[in-house]
Amino acid sequence: MTVLLRDTFKAWIDRAPGAPPKLVMIGDVRVPTNGCQARLTKRSPQGINPKILILDVNTQQPGDEAPEEITTIPLRYEESPPQDEYGQVMIATGKGEIVVNIGRPH
């Protein structure tokens, strides 16, 4: 089962000079098997609130018999330029979801 590590998720708009604005979303998930792959994908269609970007965590199990070993995988999603004036990002797995406010860059 994929577990969202709530405290690791952050989102911000990168407004670096000389480049278009870019939405950046980072966070970690914990998976039960070594060799698992995970990535964030934009949900289609999005929800009814255009100010909330919805991202799904897609995990892929390794093809062979990988040892069961809890592994943390860093995730990153970028959208440049952002398609809307998002205020929040919702990250969803089949088992749960979290909502992150879009803040200021680090």
C-alpha atoms as a PDB file:
ATOM      1  CA  MET A   1       0.000   0.000   0.000  1.00  0.00           C
ATOM      2  CA  THR A   2       1.253   3.478  -0.885  1.00  0.00           C
ATOM      3  CA  VAL A   3       1.356   5.898   2.061  1.00  0.00           C
ATOM      4  CA  LEU A   4       1.501   9.679   1.619  1.00  0.00           C
ATOM      5  CA  LEU A   5       4.044  11.202   4.022  1.00  0.00           C
ATOM      6  CA  ARG A   6       1.909  14.236   4.812  1.00  0.00           C
ATOM      7  CA  ASP A   7       4.613  16.479   6.319  1.00  0.00           C
ATOM      8  CA  THR A   8       6.843  16.187   3.233  1.00  0.00           C
ATOM      9  CA  PHE A   9       4.384  17.681   0.724  1.00  0.00           C
ATOM     10  CA  LYS A  10       4.914  21.292  -0.327  1.00  0.00           C
ATOM     11  CA  ALA A  11       3.733  23.352  -3.285  1.00  0.00           C
ATOM     12  CA  TRP A  12       4.747  26.780  -4.521  1.00  0.00           C
ATOM     13  CA  ILE A  13       4.846  29.002  -7.599  1.00  0.00           C
ATOM     14  CA  ASP A  14       8.405  29.578  -8.797  1.00  0.00           C
ATOM     15  CA  ARG A  15       8.595  33.093 -10.230  1.00  0.00           C
ATOM     16  CA  ALA A  16      12.264  33.142 -11.203  1.00  0.00           C
ATOM     17  CA  PRO A  17      13.224  36.179 -13.329  1.00  0.00           C
ATOM     18  CA  GLY A  18      13.478  35.492 -17.049  1.00  0.00           C
ATOM     19  CA  ALA A  19      11.232  32.412 -16.985  1.00  0.00           C
ATOM     20  CA  PRO A  20       7.480  31.870 -16.989  1.00  0.00           C
ATOM     21  CA  PRO A  21       5.898  31.098 -13.599  1.00  0.00           C
ATOM     22  CA  LYS A  22       6.079  27.422 -12.675  1.00  0.00           C
ATOM     23  CA  LEU A  23       4.003  25.444 -10.185  1.00  0.00           C
ATOM     24  CA  VAL A  24       6.227  23.026  -8.244  1.00  0.00           C
ATOM     25  CA  MET A  25       4.889  20.223  -6.026  1.00  0.00           C
ATOM     26  CA  ILE A  26       7.156  17.902  -4.033  1.00  0.00           C
ATOM     27  CA  GLY A  27       6.562  15.199  -1.452  1.00  0.00           C
ATOM     28  CA  ASP A  28       7.407  11.644  -0.463  1.00  0.00           C
ATOM     29  CA  VAL A  29       5.467   8.394  -0.495  1.00  0.00           C
ATOM     30  CA  ARG A  30       6.270   5.176   1.312  1.00  0.00           C
ATOM     31  CA  VAL A  31       5.826   1.886  -0.556  1.00  0.00           C
ATOM     32  CA  PRO A  32       6.098  -1.677   0.793  1.00  0.00           C
ATOM     33  CA  THR A  33       8.384  -3.119  -1.888  1.00  0.00           C
ATOM     34  CA  ASN A  34      11.883  -2.228  -2.990  1.00  0.00           C
ATOM     35  CA  GLY A  35      11.976  -1.437  -6.716  1.00  0.00           C
ATOM     36  CA  CYS A  36       8.530   0.166  -6.801  1.00  0.00           C
ATOM     37  CA  GLN A  37       8.177   3.254  -8.976  1.00  0.00           C
ATOM     38  CA  ALA A  38       5.830   6.161  -8.255  1.00  0.00           C
ATOM     39  CA  ARG A  39       4.981   9.380 -10.050  1.00  0.00           C
ATOM     40  CA  LEU A  40       2.474  12.227  -9.890  1.00  0.00           C
ATOM     41  CA  THR A  41       0.083  12.707 -12.796  1.00  0.00           C
ATOM     42  CA  LYS A  42      -2.536  15.387 -13.358  1.00  0.00           C
ATOM     43  CA  ARG A  43      -6.049  13.960 -13.026  1.00  0.00           C
ATOM     44  CA  SER A  44      -8.252  14.224 -16.077  1.00  0.00           C
ATOM     45  CA  PRO A  45     -10.858  15.493 -15.799  1.00  0.00           C
ATOM     46  CA  GLN A  46     -10.060  17.785 -12.888  1.00  0.00           C
ATOM     47  CA  GLY A  47     -12.618  18.396 -10.123  1.00  0.00           C
ATOM     48  CA  ILE A  48     -15.337  21.043 -10.061  1.00  0.00           C
ATOM     49  CA  ASN A  49     -13.204  23.649  -8.233  1.00  0.00           C
ATOM     50  CA  PRO A  50     -10.692  25.160 -10.705  1.00  0.00           C
ATOM     51  CA  LYS A  51      -8.587  26.554  -7.818  1.00  0.00           C
ATOM     52  CA  ILE A  52      -7.632  23.028  -6.654  1.00  0.00           C
ATOM     53  CA  LEU A  53      -5.200  21.060  -8.813  1.00  0.00           C
ATOM     54  CA  ILE A  54      -5.739  17.304  -8.424  1.00  0.00           C
ATOM     55  CA  LEU A  55      -2.727  15.001  -8.796  1.00  0.00           C
ATOM     56  CA  ASP A  56      -2.848  11.210  -8.598  1.00  0.00           C
ATOM     57  CA  VAL A  57       0.000   9.079  -7.267  1.00  0.00           C
ATOM     58  CA  ASN A  58       0.574   6.218  -9.691  1.00  0.00           C
ATOM     59  CA  THR A  59       2.702   3.340  -8.443  1.00  0.00           C
ATOM     60  CA  GLN A  60       4.125   0.477 -10.431  1.00  0.00           C
ATOM     61  CA  GLN A  61       5.284  -2.734  -8.798  1.00  0.00           C
ATOM     62  CA  PRO A  62       8.507  -4.352 -10.007  1.00  0.00           C
ATOM     63  CA  GLY A  63       7.962  -7.213 -12.437  1.00  0.00           C
ATOM     64  CA  ASP A  64       9.882  -9.865 -10.520  1.00  0.00           C
ATOM     65  CA  GLU A  65       9.672 -11.030  -6.925  1.00  0.00           C
ATOM     66  CA  ALA A  66      11.175  -8.000  -5.221  1.00  0.00           C
ATOM     67  CA  PRO A  67      11.909  -8.253  -1.504  1.00  0.00           C
ATOM     68  CA  GLU A  68       9.429  -6.595   0.798  1.00  0.00           C
ATOM     69  CA  GLU A  69      11.334  -3.628   2.116  1.00  0.00           C
ATOM     70  CA  ILE A  70       9.658  -0.355   3.032  1.00  0.00           C
ATOM     71  CA  THR A  71      11.016   2.282   0.670  1.00  0.00           C
ATOM     72  CA  THR A  72      10.482   6.060   0.499  1.00  0.00           C
ATOM     73  CA  ILE A  73      10.166   7.575  -2.974  1.00  0.00           C
ATOM     74  CA  PRO A  74      10.476  11.339  -3.605  1.00  0.00           C
ATOM     75  CA  LEU A  75       7.868  12.769  -5.977  1.00  0.00           C
ATOM     76  CA  ARG A  76       7.950  15.991  -8.000  1.00  0.00           C
ATOM     77  CA  TYR A  77       5.413  17.589 -10.319  1.00  0.00           C
ATOM     78  CA  GLU A  78       5.922  20.771 -12.343  1.00  0.00           C
ATOM     79  CA  GLU A  79       3.491  22.712 -14.497  1.00  0.00           C
ATOM     80  CA  SER A  80       4.786  25.679 -16.465  1.00  0.00           C
ATOM     81  CA  PRO A  81       2.990  27.967 -16.708  1.00  0.00           C
ATOM     82  CA  PRO A  82       0.259  26.918 -14.252  1.00  0.00           C
ATOM     83  CA  GLN A  83      -3.006  26.289 -16.105  1.00  0.00           C
ATOM     84  CA  ASP A  84      -5.025  28.214 -13.495  1.00  0.00           C
ATOM     85  CA  GLU A  85      -4.585  30.403 -10.417  1.00  0.00           C
ATOM     86  CA  TYR A  86      -4.423  27.408  -8.111  1.00  0.00           C
ATOM     87  CA  GLY A  87      -4.633  27.927  -4.353  1.00  0.00           C
ATOM     88  CA  GLN A  88      -4.300  24.276  -3.339  1.00  0.00           C
ATOM     89  CA  VAL A  89      -3.110  20.924  -4.620  1.00  0.00           C
ATOM     90  CA  MET A  90      -4.847  17.661  -3.724  1.00  0.00           C
ATOM     91  CA  ILE A  91      -2.688  14.533  -3.883  1.00  0.00           C
ATOM     92  CA  ALA A  92      -4.652  11.289  -4.084  1.00  0.00           C
ATOM     93  CA  THR A  93      -3.947   7.584  -3.909  1.00  0.00           C
ATOM     94  CA  GLY A  94      -6.542   4.852  -4.104  1.00  0.00           C
ATOM     95  CA  LYS A  95      -6.578   4.776  -0.287  1.00  0.00           C
ATOM     96  CA  GLY A  96      -6.567   8.447   0.706  1.00  0.00           C
ATOM     97  CA  GLU A  97      -5.742  12.020  -0.111  1.00  0.00           C
ATOM     98  CA  ILE A  98      -4.167  15.133   1.323  1.00  0.00           C
ATOM     99  CA  VAL A  99      -4.574  18.803   0.419  1.00  0.00           C
ATOM    100  CA  VAL A 100      -1.608  21.192   0.405  1.00  0.00           C
ATOM    101  CA  ASN A 101      -1.850  24.977   0.256  1.00  0.00           C
ATOM    102  CA  ILE A 102       0.345  26.604  -2.362  1.00  0.00           C
ATOM    103  CA  GLY A 103       2.839  28.733  -0.466  1.00  0.00           C
ATOM    104  CA  ARG A 104       5.882  30.815  -1.158  1.00  0.00           C
ATOM    105  CA  PRO A 105       9.093  29.315  -2.558  1.00  0.00           C
ATOM    106  CA  HIS A 106      11.715  28.213  -0.034  1.00  0.00           C
END
